[in-house]
Amino acid sequence: MEEFRLILEHYGLWAVAFGAFFQGYVFVISAGIFASQGVFRLVDVVAVAAVSSWIGHWFFYVIGYWFSRRRSFLEKTRLYKPIQTFDSTVKCHPWTSVFIMQYGHGIRIVAAIAFGFFKINPVWFAWAQAINCVIWAFLLFYMGYFAGLGLYALPSAAHLPTAITVITLLIIFYISRKHWGAHSEKTDEEDKYEKVAAFIEKESLP
């Protein structure tokens, strides 16, 4: 945490923007922690994280679209099989794919490329990701914000409800990351994407 504090103190919201562009959970959560101490404002962190994440999605969407016109080139890379795994998923369940893949570890970038590769309507993609990125930024910010309140105010009995909330959120987050991490260790990369696609197919059934 000390390393992220130094990075955020030196680069400020630029660090949040850089992290959110890719899959920077830690930078956004850390910014939320420091916002609880008055270092950042909610509106600034959420706006920067959401916009940067949205731009990141578009960047990888364009890469996917570029690959769609050069399929033979893509077939020679490691991205081809994971992208093909999402074929029916992004086409049949686009909304579910957008929101679930945002939180899957190591999935978000490949998913954005897949949306571009299969030429999903760009106007729809822009609006869907705008909504998705704002929700994502709010969730991560408040996870960090409440964690910060708990860390700095834990000795006070008046903050006991906050502490309980913080601990619960951290446990949920930890278990989720451990689950995905264990899954990645037990299976190869292609199988991981197949599992995510299968999960989306299942959750989208009426």
C-alpha atoms as a PDB file:
ATOM      1  CA  MET A   1       0.000   0.000   0.000  1.00  0.00           C
ATOM      2  CA  GLU A   2       2.896   2.327   0.737  1.00  0.00           C
ATOM      3  CA  GLU A   3       4.106   2.002  -2.864  1.00  0.00           C
ATOM      4  CA  PHE A   4       0.700   2.970  -4.238  1.00  0.00           C
ATOM      5  CA  ARG A   5       0.513   5.885  -1.808  1.00  0.00           C
ATOM      6  CA  LEU A   6       3.826   7.226  -3.106  1.00  0.00           C
ATOM      7  CA  ILE A   7       2.745   6.749  -6.725  1.00  0.00           C
ATOM      8  CA  LEU A   8      -0.586   8.504  -6.125  1.00  0.00           C
ATOM      9  CA  GLU A   9       1.083  11.321  -4.212  1.00  0.00           C
ATOM     10  CA  HIS A  10       3.572  11.864  -7.020  1.00  0.00           C
ATOM     11  CA  TYR A  11       1.363  11.376 -10.071  1.00  0.00           C
ATOM     12  CA  GLY A  12      -2.064  12.065  -8.582  1.00  0.00           C
ATOM     13  CA  LEU A  13      -5.044  11.263 -10.761  1.00  0.00           C
ATOM     14  CA  TRP A  14      -2.769  10.472 -13.692  1.00  0.00           C
ATOM     15  CA  ALA A  15      -1.897   7.224 -11.907  1.00  0.00           C
ATOM     16  CA  VAL A  16      -5.602   6.452 -11.514  1.00  0.00           C
ATOM     17  CA  ALA A  17      -6.149   7.155 -15.210  1.00  0.00           C
ATOM     18  CA  PHE A  18      -3.270   4.906 -16.233  1.00  0.00           C
ATOM     19  CA  GLY A  19      -4.448   2.051 -14.043  1.00  0.00           C
ATOM     20  CA  ALA A  20      -8.089   2.320 -15.110  1.00  0.00           C
ATOM     21  CA  PHE A  21      -7.100   2.321 -18.788  1.00  0.00           C
ATOM     22  CA  PHE A  22      -5.962  -1.260 -18.400  1.00  0.00           C
ATOM     23  CA  GLN A  23      -7.407  -3.111 -15.406  1.00  0.00           C
ATOM     24  CA  GLY A  24      -6.262  -0.996 -12.485  1.00  0.00           C
ATOM     25  CA  TYR A  25      -8.425  -2.167  -9.614  1.00  0.00           C
ATOM     26  CA  VAL A  26      -5.738  -1.352  -7.080  1.00  0.00           C
ATOM     27  CA  PHE A  27      -5.205   2.226  -8.220  1.00  0.00           C
ATOM     28  CA  VAL A  28      -8.900   3.085  -8.070  1.00  0.00           C
ATOM     29  CA  ILE A  29      -9.384   1.371  -4.701  1.00  0.00           C
ATOM     30  CA  SER A  30      -6.253   3.089  -3.342  1.00  0.00           C
ATOM     31  CA  ALA A  31      -7.526   6.448  -4.554  1.00  0.00           C
ATOM     32  CA  GLY A  32     -10.772   5.737  -2.685  1.00  0.00           C
ATOM     33  CA  ILE A  33      -8.804   5.040   0.498  1.00  0.00           C
ATOM     34  CA  PHE A  34      -6.947   8.340   0.212  1.00  0.00           C
ATOM     35  CA  ALA A  35     -10.176  10.146  -0.654  1.00  0.00           C
ATOM     36  CA  SER A  36     -11.497   9.112   2.758  1.00  0.00           C
ATOM     37  CA  GLN A  37      -8.666  11.211   4.180  1.00  0.00           C
ATOM     38  CA  GLY A  38      -9.412  14.201   1.982  1.00  0.00           C
ATOM     39  CA  VAL A  39      -6.597  13.661  -0.524  1.00  0.00           C
ATOM     40  CA  PHE A  40      -8.938  13.226  -3.504  1.00  0.00           C
ATOM     41  CA  ARG A  41     -12.568  14.063  -4.201  1.00  0.00           C
ATOM     42  CA  LEU A  42     -15.147  11.439  -5.114  1.00  0.00           C
ATOM     43  CA  VAL A  43     -16.211  13.194  -8.300  1.00  0.00           C
ATOM     44  CA  ASP A  44     -12.611  13.526  -9.517  1.00  0.00           C
ATOM     45  CA  VAL A  45     -11.645   9.886  -8.927  1.00  0.00           C
ATOM     46  CA  VAL A  46     -14.864   8.443 -10.356  1.00  0.00           C
ATOM     47  CA  ALA A  47     -14.778  10.733 -13.397  1.00  0.00           C
ATOM     48  CA  VAL A  48     -11.127   9.995 -14.195  1.00  0.00           C
ATOM     49  CA  ALA A  49     -11.467   6.245 -13.605  1.00  0.00           C
ATOM     50  CA  ALA A  50     -14.701   5.930 -15.606  1.00  0.00           C
ATOM     51  CA  VAL A  51     -13.504   8.013 -18.576  1.00  0.00           C
ATOM     52  CA  SER A  52     -10.091   6.347 -18.692  1.00  0.00           C
ATOM     53  CA  SER A  53     -11.660   2.888 -18.476  1.00  0.00           C
ATOM     54  CA  TRP A  54     -14.116   3.815 -21.244  1.00  0.00           C
ATOM     55  CA  ILE A  55     -11.270   5.023 -23.469  1.00  0.00           C
ATOM     56  CA  GLY A  56      -9.410   1.800 -22.726  1.00  0.00           C
ATOM     57  CA  HIS A  57     -12.391  -0.265 -23.838  1.00  0.00           C
ATOM     58  CA  TRP A  58     -12.573   1.713 -27.053  1.00  0.00           C
ATOM     59  CA  PHE A  59      -8.850   1.346 -27.678  1.00  0.00           C
ATOM     60  CA  PHE A  60      -9.047  -2.437 -27.445  1.00  0.00           C
ATOM     61  CA  TYR A  61     -12.328  -2.491 -29.401  1.00  0.00           C
ATOM     62  CA  VAL A  62     -10.533  -0.748 -32.284  1.00  0.00           C
ATOM     63  CA  ILE A  63      -7.697  -3.274 -32.053  1.00  0.00           C
ATOM     64  CA  GLY A  64     -10.284  -6.052 -32.283  1.00  0.00           C
ATOM     65  CA  TYR A  65     -11.903  -4.401 -35.307  1.00  0.00           C
ATOM     66  CA  TRP A  66      -8.478  -4.101 -36.926  1.00  0.00           C
ATOM     67  CA  PHE A  67      -7.892  -7.809 -36.275  1.00  0.00           C
ATOM     68  CA  SER A  68     -11.255  -8.670 -37.863  1.00  0.00           C
ATOM     69  CA  ARG A  69      -9.924  -7.396 -41.186  1.00  0.00           C
ATOM     70  CA  ARG A  70      -6.676  -9.312 -40.744  1.00  0.00           C
ATOM     71  CA  ARG A  71      -7.896 -12.653 -39.429  1.00  0.00           C
ATOM     72  CA  SER A  72      -4.907 -14.549 -40.801  1.00  0.00           C
ATOM     73  CA  PHE A  73      -2.609 -12.367 -38.719  1.00  0.00           C
ATOM     74  CA  LEU A  74      -4.686 -12.879 -35.564  1.00  0.00           C
ATOM     75  CA  GLU A  75      -4.678 -16.653 -36.023  1.00  0.00           C
ATOM     76  CA  LYS A  76      -0.935 -16.602 -35.444  1.00  0.00           C
ATOM     77  CA  THR A  77      -1.272 -14.954 -32.034  1.00  0.00           C
ATOM     78  CA  ARG A  78      -2.332 -16.281 -28.607  1.00  0.00           C
ATOM     79  CA  LEU A  79      -5.424 -14.050 -28.683  1.00  0.00           C
ATOM     80  CA  TYR A  80      -7.212 -15.981 -31.410  1.00  0.00           C
ATOM     81  CA  LYS A  81      -8.550 -18.921 -29.356  1.00  0.00           C
ATOM     82  CA  PRO A  82      -9.732 -16.817 -26.377  1.00  0.00           C
ATOM     83  CA  ILE A  83     -11.508 -14.417 -28.741  1.00  0.00           C
ATOM     84  CA  GLN A  84     -13.173 -17.271 -30.622  1.00  0.00           C
ATOM     85  CA  THR A  85     -14.399 -18.598 -27.269  1.00  0.00           C
ATOM     86  CA  PHE A  86     -16.489 -15.436 -26.832  1.00  0.00           C
ATOM     87  CA  ASP A  87     -18.081 -15.668 -30.304  1.00  0.00           C
ATOM     88  CA  SER A  88     -21.644 -16.681 -29.393  1.00  0.00           C
ATOM     89  CA  THR A  89     -21.415 -15.070 -25.946  1.00  0.00           C
ATOM     90  CA  VAL A  90     -20.882 -11.461 -27.027  1.00  0.00           C
ATOM     91  CA  LYS A  91     -23.345 -11.833 -29.894  1.00  0.00           C
ATOM     92  CA  CYS A  92     -26.199 -13.463 -27.976  1.00  0.00           C
ATOM     93  CA  HIS A  93     -25.663 -11.920 -24.532  1.00  0.00           C
ATOM     94  CA  PRO A  94     -23.946  -8.566 -25.095  1.00  0.00           C
ATOM     95  CA  TRP A  95     -25.283  -6.809 -21.986  1.00  0.00           C
ATOM     96  CA  THR A  96     -24.362  -9.668 -19.670  1.00  0.00           C
ATOM     97  CA  SER A  97     -20.944  -9.913 -21.311  1.00  0.00           C
ATOM     98  CA  VAL A  98     -20.224  -6.214 -20.855  1.00  0.00           C
ATOM     99  CA  PHE A  99     -20.913  -6.191 -17.124  1.00  0.00           C
ATOM    100  CA  ILE A 100     -19.533  -9.591 -16.096  1.00  0.00           C
ATOM    101  CA  MET A 101     -16.344  -9.362 -18.118  1.00  0.00           C
ATOM    102  CA  GLN A 102     -15.536  -5.996 -16.552  1.00  0.00           C
ATOM    103  CA  TYR A 103     -14.803  -7.778 -13.265  1.00  0.00           C
ATOM    104  CA  GLY A 104     -13.216 -10.991 -14.491  1.00  0.00           C
ATOM    105  CA  HIS A 105      -9.493 -11.091 -13.762  1.00  0.00           C
ATOM    106  CA  GLY A 106      -7.574 -10.973 -17.038  1.00  0.00           C
ATOM    107  CA  ILE A 107     -10.791 -11.026 -19.082  1.00  0.00           C
ATOM    108  CA  ARG A 108     -11.620  -7.371 -19.659  1.00  0.00           C
ATOM    109  CA  ILE A 109      -9.041  -6.560 -22.357  1.00  0.00           C
ATOM    110  CA  VAL A 110      -9.661  -9.744 -24.341  1.00  0.00           C
ATOM    111  CA  ALA A 111     -13.422  -9.146 -24.109  1.00  0.00           C
ATOM    112  CA  ALA A 112     -13.098  -5.617 -25.516  1.00  0.00           C
ATOM    113  CA  ILE A 113     -11.008  -6.970 -28.393  1.00  0.00           C
ATOM    114  CA  ALA A 114     -13.671  -9.642 -28.987  1.00  0.00           C
ATOM    115  CA  PHE A 115     -16.421  -7.006 -29.210  1.00  0.00           C
ATOM    116  CA  GLY A 116     -14.446  -5.234 -31.921  1.00  0.00           C
ATOM    117  CA  PHE A 117     -13.446  -8.431 -33.676  1.00  0.00           C
ATOM    118  CA  PHE A 118     -17.075  -9.527 -34.041  1.00  0.00           C
ATOM    119  CA  LYS A 119     -18.070  -5.980 -35.051  1.00  0.00           C
ATOM    120  CA  ILE A 120     -20.649  -5.447 -32.326  1.00  0.00           C
ATOM    121  CA  ASN A 121     -22.554  -2.207 -32.988  1.00  0.00           C
ATOM    122  CA  PRO A 122     -20.094   0.569 -31.988  1.00  0.00           C
ATOM    123  CA  VAL A 123     -22.833   3.009 -30.920  1.00  0.00           C
ATOM    124  CA  TRP A 124     -24.360   0.400 -28.598  1.00  0.00           C
ATOM    125  CA  PHE A 125     -20.889  -0.526 -27.342  1.00  0.00           C
ATOM    126  CA  ALA A 126     -20.128   3.113 -26.506  1.00  0.00           C
ATOM    127  CA  TRP A 127     -23.316   3.567 -24.455  1.00  0.00           C
ATOM    128  CA  ALA A 128     -23.119   0.182 -22.756  1.00  0.00           C
ATOM    129  CA  GLN A 129     -19.521   0.725 -21.715  1.00  0.00           C
ATOM    130  CA  ALA A 130     -20.258   4.258 -20.524  1.00  0.00           C
ATOM    131  CA  ILE A 131     -22.844   2.890 -18.084  1.00  0.00           C
ATOM    132  CA  ASN A 132     -20.621  -0.041 -17.173  1.00  0.00           C
ATOM    133  CA  CYS A 133     -17.529   2.084 -16.492  1.00  0.00           C
ATOM    134  CA  VAL A 134     -19.371   4.557 -14.266  1.00  0.00           C
ATOM    135  CA  ILE A 135     -20.801   1.715 -12.142  1.00  0.00           C
ATOM    136  CA  TRP A 136     -17.374   0.049 -11.995  1.00  0.00           C
ATOM    137  CA  ALA A 137     -15.651   3.265 -10.918  1.00  0.00           C
ATOM    138  CA  PHE A 138     -18.247   3.956  -8.199  1.00  0.00           C
ATOM    139  CA  LEU A 139     -18.022   0.423  -6.792  1.00  0.00           C
ATOM    140  CA  LEU A 140     -14.232   0.386  -6.598  1.00  0.00           C
ATOM    141  CA  PHE A 141     -14.065   3.934  -5.241  1.00  0.00           C
ATOM    142  CA  TYR A 142     -16.472   3.204  -2.413  1.00  0.00           C
ATOM    143  CA  MET A 143     -14.755  -0.083  -1.632  1.00  0.00           C
ATOM    144  CA  GLY A 144     -11.579   1.911  -1.066  1.00  0.00           C
ATOM    145  CA  TYR A 145     -13.367   4.791   0.615  1.00  0.00           C
ATOM    146  CA  PHE A 146     -15.049   2.634   3.263  1.00  0.00           C
ATOM    147  CA  ALA A 147     -11.846   0.645   3.702  1.00  0.00           C
ATOM    148  CA  GLY A 148     -10.071   3.932   4.382  1.00  0.00           C
ATOM    149  CA  LEU A 149     -12.658   4.987   6.939  1.00  0.00           C
ATOM    150  CA  GLY A 150     -12.297   1.639   8.661  1.00  0.00           C
ATOM    151  CA  LEU A 151      -8.506   1.662   8.631  1.00  0.00           C
ATOM    152  CA  TYR A 152      -8.186   5.138  10.103  1.00  0.00           C
ATOM    153  CA  ALA A 153     -11.173   5.082  12.444  1.00  0.00           C
ATOM    154  CA  LEU A 154     -11.287   1.444  13.543  1.00  0.00           C
ATOM    155  CA  PRO A 155     -10.501   2.147  17.245  1.00  0.00           C
ATOM    156  CA  SER A 156     -13.656   4.212  17.613  1.00  0.00           C
ATOM    157  CA  ALA A 157     -16.786   2.271  18.636  1.00  0.00           C
ATOM    158  CA  ALA A 158     -18.875   4.805  16.755  1.00  0.00           C
ATOM    159  CA  HIS A 159     -17.359   3.500  13.518  1.00  0.00           C
ATOM    160  CA  LEU A 160     -18.053  -0.156  14.252  1.00  0.00           C
ATOM    161  CA  PRO A 161     -20.740  -0.463  11.512  1.00  0.00           C
ATOM    162  CA  THR A 162     -18.265   1.016   9.025  1.00  0.00           C
ATOM    163  CA  ALA A 163     -15.575  -1.423  10.154  1.00  0.00           C
ATOM    164  CA  ILE A 164     -17.947  -4.380   9.728  1.00  0.00           C
ATOM    165  CA  THR A 165     -18.874  -3.161   6.243  1.00  0.00           C
ATOM    166  CA  VAL A 166     -15.214  -2.757   5.328  1.00  0.00           C
ATOM    167  CA  ILE A 167     -14.263  -6.207   6.553  1.00  0.00           C
ATOM    168  CA  THR A 168     -17.203  -7.779   4.710  1.00  0.00           C
ATOM    169  CA  LEU A 169     -16.310  -6.052   1.437  1.00  0.00           C
ATOM    170  CA  LEU A 170     -12.667  -7.005   1.738  1.00  0.00           C
ATOM    171  CA  ILE A 171     -13.532 -10.631   2.468  1.00  0.00           C
ATOM    172  CA  ILE A 172     -15.840 -10.804  -0.549  1.00  0.00           C
ATOM    173  CA  PHE A 173     -13.220  -9.181  -2.757  1.00  0.00           C
ATOM    174  CA  TYR A 174     -10.474 -11.502  -1.434  1.00  0.00           C
ATOM    175  CA  ILE A 175     -12.551 -14.651  -1.922  1.00  0.00           C
ATOM    176  CA  SER A 176     -13.476 -13.586  -5.460  1.00  0.00           C
ATOM    177  CA  ARG A 177      -9.863 -12.962  -6.397  1.00  0.00           C
ATOM    178  CA  LYS A 178      -8.738 -16.228  -4.806  1.00  0.00           C
ATOM    179  CA  HIS A 179     -11.437 -18.119  -6.696  1.00  0.00           C
ATOM    180  CA  TRP A 180     -10.349 -16.711 -10.048  1.00  0.00           C
ATOM    181  CA  GLY A 181      -6.689 -17.149  -9.164  1.00  0.00           C
ATOM    182  CA  ALA A 182      -7.132 -20.800  -8.197  1.00  0.00           C
ATOM    183  CA  HIS A 183      -9.162 -21.404 -11.306  1.00  0.00           C
ATOM    184  CA  SER A 184      -6.425 -19.903 -13.485  1.00  0.00           C
ATOM    185  CA  GLU A 185      -3.789 -22.106 -11.888  1.00  0.00           C
ATOM    186  CA  LYS A 186      -5.770 -25.298 -12.409  1.00  0.00           C
ATOM    187  CA  THR A 187      -6.680 -24.668 -16.025  1.00  0.00           C
ATOM    188  CA  ASP A 188      -4.962 -23.240 -19.047  1.00  0.00           C
ATOM    189  CA  GLU A 189      -5.770 -19.783 -20.383  1.00  0.00           C
ATOM    190  CA  GLU A 190      -8.158 -20.989 -23.055  1.00  0.00           C
ATOM    191  CA  ASP A 191     -10.175 -22.994 -20.561  1.00  0.00           C
ATOM    192  CA  LYS A 192     -10.516 -19.952 -18.302  1.00  0.00           C
ATOM    193  CA  TYR A 193     -12.197 -17.995 -21.084  1.00  0.00           C
ATOM    194  CA  GLU A 194     -14.441 -20.943 -21.889  1.00  0.00           C
ATOM    195  CA  LYS A 195     -15.585 -21.089 -18.260  1.00  0.00           C
ATOM    196  CA  VAL A 196     -16.422 -17.384 -18.228  1.00  0.00           C
ATOM    197  CA  ALA A 197     -18.330 -17.677 -21.488  1.00  0.00           C
ATOM    198  CA  ALA A 198     -20.251 -20.689 -20.162  1.00  0.00           C
ATOM    199  CA  PHE A 199     -21.098 -18.789 -16.979  1.00  0.00           C
ATOM    200  CA  ILE A 200     -22.495 -15.865 -18.967  1.00  0.00           C
ATOM    201  CA  GLU A 201     -24.549 -18.225 -21.114  1.00  0.00           C
ATOM    202  CA  LYS A 202     -25.996 -19.834 -17.968  1.00  0.00           C
ATOM    203  CA  GLU A 203     -26.754 -16.534 -16.208  1.00  0.00           C
ATOM    204  CA  SER A 204     -28.476 -15.154 -19.311  1.00  0.00           C
ATOM    205  CA  LEU A 205     -30.993 -17.971 -19.536  1.00  0.00           C
ATOM    206  CA  PRO A 206     -34.545 -16.984 -18.470  1.00  0.00           C
END
